[in-house]
């Protein structure tokens, strides 16, 4: 269930542009919170194999075991469940890239995950204008970054795009 619209902000396809140079087209990507499919469609247009699931189509990333093969998880997780999504991704033991607010670096609980598993961050040159549920206005209220694991060359990376 979506959290009163707070989780219904869609990610524009251009948000993937800084991440694309780090992705291998021979790998299968799982977009586990696909929403309206903007990231899925962009990845497919760029030549990637993509599996798309979403809780609204009956697949709960947090509780259901995937019955398909994948190599990388890429998504903008629901805002209200971002910690749970990152924790689950570490448990699945596959490389991942999650678009998250920079404030995700805060709190002892989140930092404990990063200390245990490690984290790589791709800092973006500008804020992302998320698509609002109403379709009007801009959703650029906070800075985001791609939080990754086993995907980037170093812990802190700077976007060229």
N, C-alpha and C. Protein backbone atom coordinates (compact mmCIF):
# COMPACT_ATOMS: atom_id res chain seq x y z
N UNK A 1 0.84 -1.19 0.00
CA UNK A 1 0.00 0.00 0.00
C UNK A 1 0.88 1.24 0.00
N UNK A 2 0.52 2.19 -0.82
CA UNK A 2 1.27 3.44 -0.89
C UNK A 2 0.94 4.30 0.33
N UNK A 3 1.86 5.09 0.75
CA UNK A 3 1.75 5.87 1.97
C UNK A 3 1.20 7.27 1.68
N UNK A 4 -0.10 7.39 1.50
CA UNK A 4 -0.76 8.68 1.26
C UNK A 4 -0.08 9.50 0.17
N UNK A 5 0.39 8.87 -0.87
CA UNK A 5 1.01 9.58 -1.97
C UNK A 5 2.49 9.86 -1.81
N UNK A 6 3.03 9.72 -0.60
CA UNK A 6 4.45 10.03 -0.38
C UNK A 6 5.34 9.08 -1.19
N UNK A 7 4.85 7.88 -1.49
CA UNK A 7 5.64 6.91 -2.24
C UNK A 7 5.32 6.92 -3.73
N UNK A 8 4.47 7.81 -4.17
CA UNK A 8 4.01 7.79 -5.56
C UNK A 8 4.69 8.86 -6.42
N UNK A 9 5.88 9.26 -6.06
CA UNK A 9 6.64 10.18 -6.89
C UNK A 9 7.47 9.35 -7.86
N UNK A 10 7.22 9.52 -9.15
CA UNK A 10 7.90 8.74 -10.16
C UNK A 10 9.23 9.39 -10.53
N UNK A 11 10.19 8.56 -10.88
CA UNK A 11 11.53 9.02 -11.21
C UNK A 11 11.65 9.26 -12.71
N UNK A 12 12.11 10.43 -13.11
CA UNK A 12 12.28 10.68 -14.54
C UNK A 12 13.40 9.80 -15.10
N UNK A 13 13.26 9.35 -16.33
CA UNK A 13 14.29 8.50 -16.94
C UNK A 13 15.69 9.10 -16.91
N UNK A 14 15.79 10.40 -17.00
CA UNK A 14 17.10 11.06 -17.02
C UNK A 14 17.90 10.83 -15.74
N UNK A 15 17.24 10.42 -14.66
CA UNK A 15 17.95 10.14 -13.41
C UNK A 15 18.95 9.00 -13.57
N UNK A 16 18.73 8.15 -14.57
CA UNK A 16 19.63 7.02 -14.83
C UNK A 16 20.92 7.43 -15.55
N UNK A 17 20.90 8.55 -16.22
CA UNK A 17 22.05 8.93 -17.07
C UNK A 17 23.40 8.86 -16.35
N UNK A 18 23.54 9.37 -15.13
CA UNK A 18 24.85 9.28 -14.46
C UNK A 18 25.26 7.85 -14.12
N UNK A 19 24.30 6.96 -13.98
CA UNK A 19 24.58 5.58 -13.59
C UNK A 19 24.92 4.69 -14.78
N UNK A 20 24.41 5.01 -15.94
CA UNK A 20 24.56 4.15 -17.12
C UNK A 20 25.99 3.73 -17.43
N UNK A 21 26.99 4.62 -17.33
CA UNK A 21 28.36 4.19 -17.65
C UNK A 21 28.90 3.07 -16.76
N UNK A 22 28.28 2.85 -15.63
CA UNK A 22 28.76 1.82 -14.69
C UNK A 22 28.03 0.49 -14.85
N UNK A 23 27.09 0.42 -15.77
CA UNK A 23 26.28 -0.79 -15.93
C UNK A 23 26.75 -1.63 -17.10
N UNK A 24 26.70 -2.93 -16.94
CA UNK A 24 27.13 -3.90 -17.94
C UNK A 24 25.90 -4.41 -18.68
N UNK A 25 25.86 -4.21 -20.00
CA UNK A 25 24.70 -4.64 -20.80
C UNK A 25 24.56 -6.15 -20.88
N UNK A 26 25.55 -6.90 -20.42
CA UNK A 26 25.45 -8.35 -20.39
C UNK A 26 24.78 -8.85 -19.11
N UNK A 27 24.45 -7.95 -18.22
CA UNK A 27 23.82 -8.31 -16.95
C UNK A 27 22.31 -8.04 -17.02
N UNK A 28 21.54 -8.82 -16.29
CA UNK A 28 20.10 -8.62 -16.20
C UNK A 28 19.78 -7.77 -14.99
N UNK A 29 19.04 -6.70 -15.22
CA UNK A 29 18.68 -5.75 -14.16
C UNK A 29 17.27 -6.06 -13.67
N UNK A 30 17.11 -6.03 -12.36
CA UNK A 30 15.79 -6.16 -11.75
C UNK A 30 15.39 -4.79 -11.21
N UNK A 31 14.32 -4.23 -11.76
CA UNK A 31 13.73 -3.00 -11.23
C UNK A 31 12.58 -3.44 -10.35
N UNK A 32 12.78 -3.44 -9.04
CA UNK A 32 11.86 -4.09 -8.10
C UNK A 32 10.77 -3.19 -7.54
N UNK A 33 10.78 -1.92 -7.91
CA UNK A 33 9.72 -0.98 -7.52
C UNK A 33 9.41 -0.14 -8.76
N UNK A 34 8.97 -0.82 -9.81
CA UNK A 34 8.90 -0.25 -11.15
C UNK A 34 7.89 0.88 -11.32
N UNK A 35 6.88 0.94 -10.48
CA UNK A 35 5.90 2.02 -10.60
C UNK A 35 5.32 2.08 -12.00
N UNK A 36 5.40 3.23 -12.62
CA UNK A 36 4.84 3.41 -13.97
C UNK A 36 5.83 3.00 -15.07
N UNK A 37 7.01 2.55 -14.69
CA UNK A 37 7.94 1.99 -15.65
C UNK A 37 8.89 2.94 -16.33
N UNK A 38 9.05 4.14 -15.81
CA UNK A 38 9.94 5.10 -16.47
C UNK A 38 11.39 4.62 -16.50
N UNK A 39 11.88 4.08 -15.39
CA UNK A 39 13.26 3.58 -15.37
C UNK A 39 13.39 2.32 -16.22
N UNK A 40 12.41 1.46 -16.14
CA UNK A 40 12.41 0.22 -16.93
C UNK A 40 12.51 0.56 -18.42
N UNK A 41 11.66 1.46 -18.88
CA UNK A 41 11.65 1.82 -20.30
C UNK A 41 12.97 2.44 -20.73
N UNK A 42 13.55 3.29 -19.90
CA UNK A 42 14.84 3.91 -20.23
C UNK A 42 15.94 2.85 -20.33
N UNK A 43 15.97 1.93 -19.37
CA UNK A 43 16.98 0.87 -19.40
C UNK A 43 16.83 0.00 -20.65
N UNK A 44 15.61 -0.34 -21.00
CA UNK A 44 15.37 -1.13 -22.21
C UNK A 44 15.80 -0.37 -23.46
N UNK A 45 15.48 0.92 -23.52
CA UNK A 45 15.89 1.74 -24.66
C UNK A 45 17.41 1.80 -24.80
N UNK A 46 18.11 1.71 -23.67
CA UNK A 46 19.58 1.75 -23.67
C UNK A 46 20.19 0.37 -23.96
N UNK A 47 19.34 -0.65 -24.14
CA UNK A 47 19.82 -1.97 -24.52
C UNK A 47 20.02 -2.95 -23.39
N UNK A 48 19.47 -2.69 -22.22
CA UNK A 48 19.61 -3.58 -21.08
C UNK A 48 18.45 -4.57 -21.01
N UNK A 49 18.74 -5.77 -20.48
CA UNK A 49 17.69 -6.74 -20.16
C UNK A 49 17.15 -6.37 -18.79
N UNK A 50 15.82 -6.22 -18.69
CA UNK A 50 15.23 -5.74 -17.45
C UNK A 50 14.04 -6.62 -17.05
N UNK A 51 13.99 -6.95 -15.77
CA UNK A 51 12.82 -7.59 -15.17
C UNK A 51 12.17 -6.53 -14.30
N UNK A 52 10.88 -6.29 -14.49
CA UNK A 52 10.17 -5.26 -13.74
C UNK A 52 9.12 -5.88 -12.83
N UNK A 53 9.16 -5.52 -11.54
CA UNK A 53 8.13 -5.93 -10.60
C UNK A 53 7.75 -4.72 -9.75
N UNK A 54 6.62 -4.83 -9.09
CA UNK A 54 6.15 -3.76 -8.22
C UNK A 54 5.09 -4.34 -7.31
N UNK A 55 4.98 -3.81 -6.11
CA UNK A 55 3.97 -4.29 -5.18
C UNK A 55 2.56 -4.11 -5.75
N UNK A 56 2.37 -3.09 -6.57
CA UNK A 56 1.05 -2.84 -7.16
C UNK A 56 0.67 -3.87 -8.22
N UNK A 57 1.66 -4.62 -8.69
CA UNK A 57 1.38 -5.70 -9.66
C UNK A 57 1.55 -7.07 -9.01
N UNK A 58 1.64 -7.08 -7.67
CA UNK A 58 1.62 -8.35 -6.96
C UNK A 58 2.95 -8.92 -6.51
N UNK A 59 4.04 -8.19 -6.67
CA UNK A 59 5.33 -8.69 -6.21
C UNK A 59 5.88 -7.78 -5.13
N UNK A 60 5.93 -8.27 -3.92
CA UNK A 60 6.46 -7.50 -2.79
C UNK A 60 7.94 -7.83 -2.61
N UNK A 61 8.79 -6.90 -2.99
CA UNK A 61 10.24 -7.06 -2.91
C UNK A 61 10.69 -7.43 -1.50
N UNK A 62 9.99 -6.92 -0.50
CA UNK A 62 10.43 -7.11 0.87
C UNK A 62 10.12 -8.50 1.42
N UNK A 63 9.17 -9.21 0.83
CA UNK A 63 8.77 -10.49 1.40
C UNK A 63 8.83 -11.67 0.43
N UNK A 64 8.77 -11.42 -0.85
CA UNK A 64 8.71 -12.51 -1.82
C UNK A 64 10.10 -12.83 -2.38
N UNK A 65 10.39 -14.12 -2.49
CA UNK A 65 11.66 -14.55 -3.08
C UNK A 65 11.54 -14.53 -4.60
N UNK A 66 12.51 -13.95 -5.29
CA UNK A 66 12.44 -13.93 -6.75
C UNK A 66 12.58 -15.35 -7.32
N UNK A 67 11.76 -15.67 -8.30
CA UNK A 67 11.84 -16.97 -8.97
C UNK A 67 12.40 -16.79 -10.38
N UNK A 68 13.29 -15.81 -10.52
CA UNK A 68 13.92 -15.50 -11.79
C UNK A 68 15.38 -15.13 -11.53
N UNK A 69 16.19 -15.20 -12.57
CA UNK A 69 17.60 -14.86 -12.45
C UNK A 69 17.82 -13.38 -12.75
N UNK A 70 18.64 -12.74 -11.96
CA UNK A 70 18.99 -11.34 -12.16
C UNK A 70 20.40 -11.12 -11.63
N UNK A 71 21.02 -10.04 -12.08
CA UNK A 71 22.40 -9.75 -11.68
C UNK A 71 22.52 -8.48 -10.84
N UNK A 72 21.66 -7.49 -11.09
CA UNK A 72 21.75 -6.18 -10.45
C UNK A 72 20.34 -5.71 -10.11
N UNK A 73 20.20 -5.03 -8.98
CA UNK A 73 18.92 -4.41 -8.61
C UNK A 73 19.09 -2.91 -8.77
N UNK A 74 18.18 -2.28 -9.51
CA UNK A 74 18.20 -0.83 -9.68
C UNK A 74 16.79 -0.31 -9.47
N UNK A 75 16.65 0.67 -8.57
CA UNK A 75 15.33 1.25 -8.34
C UNK A 75 15.44 2.55 -7.56
N UNK A 76 14.33 3.25 -7.55
CA UNK A 76 14.09 4.34 -6.60
C UNK A 76 13.04 3.75 -5.66
N UNK A 77 13.45 3.27 -4.49
CA UNK A 77 12.50 2.56 -3.62
C UNK A 77 11.44 3.50 -3.05
N UNK A 78 10.31 2.94 -2.61
CA UNK A 78 9.31 3.78 -1.95
C UNK A 78 9.94 4.54 -0.79
N UNK A 79 9.69 5.81 -0.73
CA UNK A 79 10.32 6.68 0.26
C UNK A 79 10.11 6.18 1.69
N UNK A 80 8.91 5.71 1.99
CA UNK A 80 8.61 5.30 3.36
C UNK A 80 9.23 3.96 3.73
N UNK A 81 9.78 3.24 2.74
CA UNK A 81 10.36 1.92 3.00
C UNK A 81 11.81 1.82 2.52
N UNK A 82 12.47 2.96 2.40
CA UNK A 82 13.82 2.94 1.83
C UNK A 82 14.81 2.12 2.66
N UNK A 83 14.76 2.20 3.97
CA UNK A 83 15.66 1.40 4.80
C UNK A 83 15.41 -0.08 4.58
N UNK A 84 14.15 -0.48 4.59
CA UNK A 84 13.80 -1.89 4.41
C UNK A 84 14.27 -2.42 3.05
N UNK A 85 14.16 -1.57 2.00
CA UNK A 85 14.60 -1.99 0.67
C UNK A 85 16.11 -2.19 0.63
N UNK A 86 16.86 -1.26 1.21
CA UNK A 86 18.32 -1.39 1.21
C UNK A 86 18.74 -2.62 2.01
N UNK A 87 18.15 -2.81 3.15
CA UNK A 87 18.47 -3.98 3.98
C UNK A 87 18.19 -5.27 3.20
N UNK A 88 17.06 -5.33 2.54
CA UNK A 88 16.68 -6.52 1.75
C UNK A 88 17.67 -6.73 0.60
N UNK A 89 18.08 -5.66 -0.05
CA UNK A 89 19.03 -5.79 -1.16
C UNK A 89 20.35 -6.38 -0.69
N UNK A 90 20.84 -5.92 0.46
CA UNK A 90 22.07 -6.51 1.01
C UNK A 90 21.86 -8.01 1.26
N UNK A 91 20.70 -8.38 1.79
CA UNK A 91 20.42 -9.78 2.09
C UNK A 91 20.39 -10.64 0.83
N UNK A 92 19.93 -10.07 -0.29
CA UNK A 92 19.90 -10.81 -1.55
C UNK A 92 21.29 -11.01 -2.15
N UNK A 93 22.27 -10.25 -1.64
CA UNK A 93 23.67 -10.42 -2.01
C UNK A 93 23.94 -10.24 -3.50
N UNK A 94 23.29 -9.23 -4.08
CA UNK A 94 23.51 -8.88 -5.48
C UNK A 94 23.87 -7.40 -5.54
N UNK A 95 24.67 -6.99 -6.52
CA UNK A 95 24.95 -5.57 -6.67
C UNK A 95 23.65 -4.78 -6.80
N UNK A 96 23.66 -3.55 -6.27
CA UNK A 96 22.46 -2.74 -6.40
C UNK A 96 22.80 -1.26 -6.54
N UNK A 97 21.80 -0.52 -7.04
CA UNK A 97 21.86 0.94 -7.11
C UNK A 97 20.47 1.45 -6.76
N UNK A 98 20.38 2.20 -5.67
CA UNK A 98 19.12 2.78 -5.22
C UNK A 98 19.25 4.29 -5.22
N UNK A 99 18.29 4.96 -5.79
CA UNK A 99 18.26 6.41 -5.77
C UNK A 99 17.63 6.84 -4.45
N UNK A 100 18.42 7.51 -3.62
CA UNK A 100 17.98 7.84 -2.25
C UNK A 100 18.37 9.27 -1.90
N UNK A 101 17.64 9.87 -0.95
CA UNK A 101 18.05 11.19 -0.48
C UNK A 101 19.39 11.13 0.24
N UNK A 102 20.16 12.18 0.14
CA UNK A 102 21.46 12.21 0.82
C UNK A 102 21.32 12.03 2.32
N UNK A 103 20.18 12.38 2.86
CA UNK A 103 19.95 12.20 4.29
C UNK A 103 19.89 10.72 4.68
N UNK A 104 19.87 9.84 3.70
CA UNK A 104 19.90 8.41 4.02
C UNK A 104 21.22 8.01 4.69
N UNK A 105 22.22 8.86 4.59
CA UNK A 105 23.49 8.60 5.28
C UNK A 105 23.35 8.75 6.79
N UNK A 106 22.30 9.42 7.22
CA UNK A 106 22.10 9.69 8.65
C UNK A 106 21.52 8.49 9.38
N UNK A 107 21.67 8.47 10.63
CA UNK A 107 21.14 7.56 11.65
C UNK A 107 22.05 6.35 11.88
N UNK A 108 22.10 5.98 13.12
CA UNK A 108 22.94 4.86 13.55
C UNK A 108 22.53 3.55 12.88
N UNK A 109 21.23 3.34 12.73
CA UNK A 109 20.72 2.09 12.13
C UNK A 109 21.19 1.94 10.68
N UNK A 110 21.11 3.01 9.90
CA UNK A 110 21.55 2.95 8.50
C UNK A 110 23.06 2.82 8.43
N UNK A 111 23.75 3.57 9.26
CA UNK A 111 25.21 3.51 9.24
C UNK A 111 25.71 2.13 9.64
N UNK A 112 24.97 1.44 10.48
CA UNK A 112 25.35 0.07 10.85
C UNK A 112 25.33 -0.84 9.62
N UNK A 113 24.36 -0.65 8.74
CA UNK A 113 24.33 -1.42 7.48
C UNK A 113 25.56 -1.12 6.64
N UNK A 114 25.88 0.17 6.51
CA UNK A 114 27.02 0.56 5.68
C UNK A 114 28.33 0.04 6.25
N UNK A 115 28.46 0.05 7.57
CA UNK A 115 29.67 -0.48 8.21
C UNK A 115 29.79 -1.99 7.98
N UNK A 116 28.68 -2.68 8.07
CA UNK A 116 28.68 -4.14 7.92
C UNK A 116 28.98 -4.57 6.49
N UNK A 117 28.32 -3.91 5.51
CA UNK A 117 28.40 -4.37 4.12
C UNK A 117 29.25 -3.49 3.21
N UNK A 118 29.34 -2.21 3.54
CA UNK A 118 29.98 -1.24 2.65
C UNK A 118 28.94 -0.50 1.83
N UNK A 119 29.36 0.61 1.23
CA UNK A 119 28.46 1.41 0.39
C UNK A 119 29.31 2.21 -0.59
N UNK A 120 28.75 2.44 -1.76
CA UNK A 120 29.35 3.31 -2.77
C UNK A 120 28.29 4.36 -3.11
N UNK A 121 28.72 5.57 -3.34
CA UNK A 121 27.78 6.65 -3.62
C UNK A 121 28.19 7.36 -4.90
N UNK A 122 27.20 7.57 -5.77
CA UNK A 122 27.38 8.36 -6.98
C UNK A 122 26.64 9.67 -6.77
N UNK A 123 27.42 10.73 -6.52
CA UNK A 123 26.86 12.06 -6.29
C UNK A 123 26.44 12.69 -7.61
N UNK A 124 25.28 13.31 -7.60
CA UNK A 124 24.73 13.90 -8.82
C UNK A 124 25.06 15.39 -8.89
N UNK A 125 25.12 15.92 -10.09
CA UNK A 125 25.45 17.33 -10.29
C UNK A 125 24.31 18.26 -9.90
N UNK A 126 23.08 17.75 -9.97
CA UNK A 126 21.93 18.59 -9.65
C UNK A 126 20.80 17.74 -9.07
N UNK A 127 19.85 18.42 -8.48
CA UNK A 127 18.70 17.73 -7.92
C UNK A 127 17.80 17.18 -9.03
N UNK A 128 17.10 16.12 -8.69
CA UNK A 128 16.19 15.49 -9.64
C UNK A 128 14.78 16.03 -9.43
N UNK A 129 14.12 16.37 -10.51
CA UNK A 129 12.73 16.80 -10.46
C UNK A 129 11.84 15.57 -10.60
N UNK A 130 11.42 15.02 -9.48
CA UNK A 130 10.54 13.86 -9.50
C UNK A 130 9.16 14.27 -10.01
N UNK A 131 8.47 13.32 -10.62
CA UNK A 131 7.14 13.58 -11.13
C UNK A 131 6.14 13.41 -10.00
N UNK A 132 5.38 14.44 -9.74
CA UNK A 132 4.44 14.44 -8.63
C UNK A 132 3.19 13.62 -8.96
N UNK A 133 2.49 13.11 -7.95
CA UNK A 133 1.27 12.32 -8.18
C UNK A 133 0.22 13.07 -9.00
N UNK A 134 0.12 14.39 -8.81
CA UNK A 134 -0.89 15.18 -9.53
C UNK A 134 -0.45 15.49 -10.96
N UNK A 135 0.84 15.31 -11.24
CA UNK A 135 1.34 15.62 -12.57
C UNK A 135 1.74 17.07 -12.73
N UNK A 136 1.55 17.87 -11.69
CA UNK A 136 1.93 19.28 -11.77
C UNK A 136 2.99 19.58 -10.72
N UNK A 137 3.74 20.59 -10.97
CA UNK A 137 4.77 20.99 -10.01
C UNK A 137 6.02 20.15 -10.14
N UNK A 138 6.96 20.45 -9.26
CA UNK A 138 8.26 19.78 -9.28
C UNK A 138 8.49 19.08 -7.96
N UNK A 139 9.19 17.99 -8.02
CA UNK A 139 9.51 17.25 -6.81
C UNK A 139 10.98 17.35 -6.43
N UNK A 140 11.61 18.49 -6.66
CA UNK A 140 13.03 18.66 -6.39
C UNK A 140 13.27 19.31 -5.03
N UNK A 141 12.79 18.68 -3.97
CA UNK A 141 12.85 19.28 -2.65
C UNK A 141 14.10 18.88 -1.87
N UNK A 142 14.83 17.87 -2.32
CA UNK A 142 16.01 17.43 -1.59
C UNK A 142 17.00 16.82 -2.56
N UNK A 143 18.26 16.80 -2.16
CA UNK A 143 19.31 16.21 -2.99
C UNK A 143 19.29 14.70 -2.87
N UNK A 144 19.57 14.03 -3.96
CA UNK A 144 19.63 12.57 -3.99
C UNK A 144 20.96 12.12 -4.56
N UNK A 145 21.23 10.84 -4.41
CA UNK A 145 22.42 10.22 -4.98
C UNK A 145 22.08 8.76 -5.25
N UNK A 146 22.87 8.13 -6.08
CA UNK A 146 22.75 6.68 -6.27
C UNK A 146 23.58 6.01 -5.19
N UNK A 147 22.93 5.26 -4.31
CA UNK A 147 23.59 4.48 -3.27
C UNK A 147 23.76 3.07 -3.85
N UNK A 148 25.00 2.64 -3.97
CA UNK A 148 25.30 1.39 -4.68
C UNK A 148 26.12 0.45 -3.83
N UNK A 149 26.13 -0.78 -4.27
CA UNK A 149 26.94 -1.81 -3.62
C UNK A 149 27.49 -2.73 -4.70
N UNK A 150 28.80 -2.88 -4.74
CA UNK A 150 29.52 -3.72 -5.70
C UNK A 150 29.24 -3.33 -7.15
N UNK A 151 29.17 -2.02 -7.39
CA UNK A 151 28.84 -1.54 -8.73
C UNK A 151 29.77 -0.43 -9.21
N UNK A 152 30.24 0.41 -8.29
CA UNK A 152 31.05 1.57 -8.66
C UNK A 152 32.53 1.33 -8.36
N UNK A 153 33.41 2.09 -8.99
CA UNK A 153 34.86 1.86 -8.83
C UNK A 153 35.41 2.25 -7.46
N UNK A 154 34.74 3.15 -6.75
CA UNK A 154 35.23 3.58 -5.44
C UNK A 154 34.04 3.98 -4.58
N UNK A 155 34.32 4.32 -3.31
CA UNK A 155 33.22 4.63 -2.39
C UNK A 155 32.50 5.92 -2.74
N UNK A 156 33.20 6.96 -3.11
CA UNK A 156 32.59 8.22 -3.48
C UNK A 156 32.91 8.48 -4.95
N UNK A 157 31.87 8.70 -5.75
CA UNK A 157 32.01 8.91 -7.19
C UNK A 157 31.22 10.17 -7.55
N UNK A 158 31.69 10.88 -8.57
CA UNK A 158 31.06 12.12 -8.98
C UNK A 158 30.52 11.96 -10.39
N UNK A 159 29.29 12.37 -10.58
CA UNK A 159 28.63 12.25 -11.87
C UNK A 159 29.31 13.11 -12.92
N UNK A 160 29.44 12.58 -14.11
CA UNK A 160 29.96 13.34 -15.25
C UNK A 160 28.81 13.91 -16.07
N UNK A 161 27.59 13.51 -15.77
CA UNK A 161 26.41 13.93 -16.54
C UNK A 161 25.59 14.90 -15.73
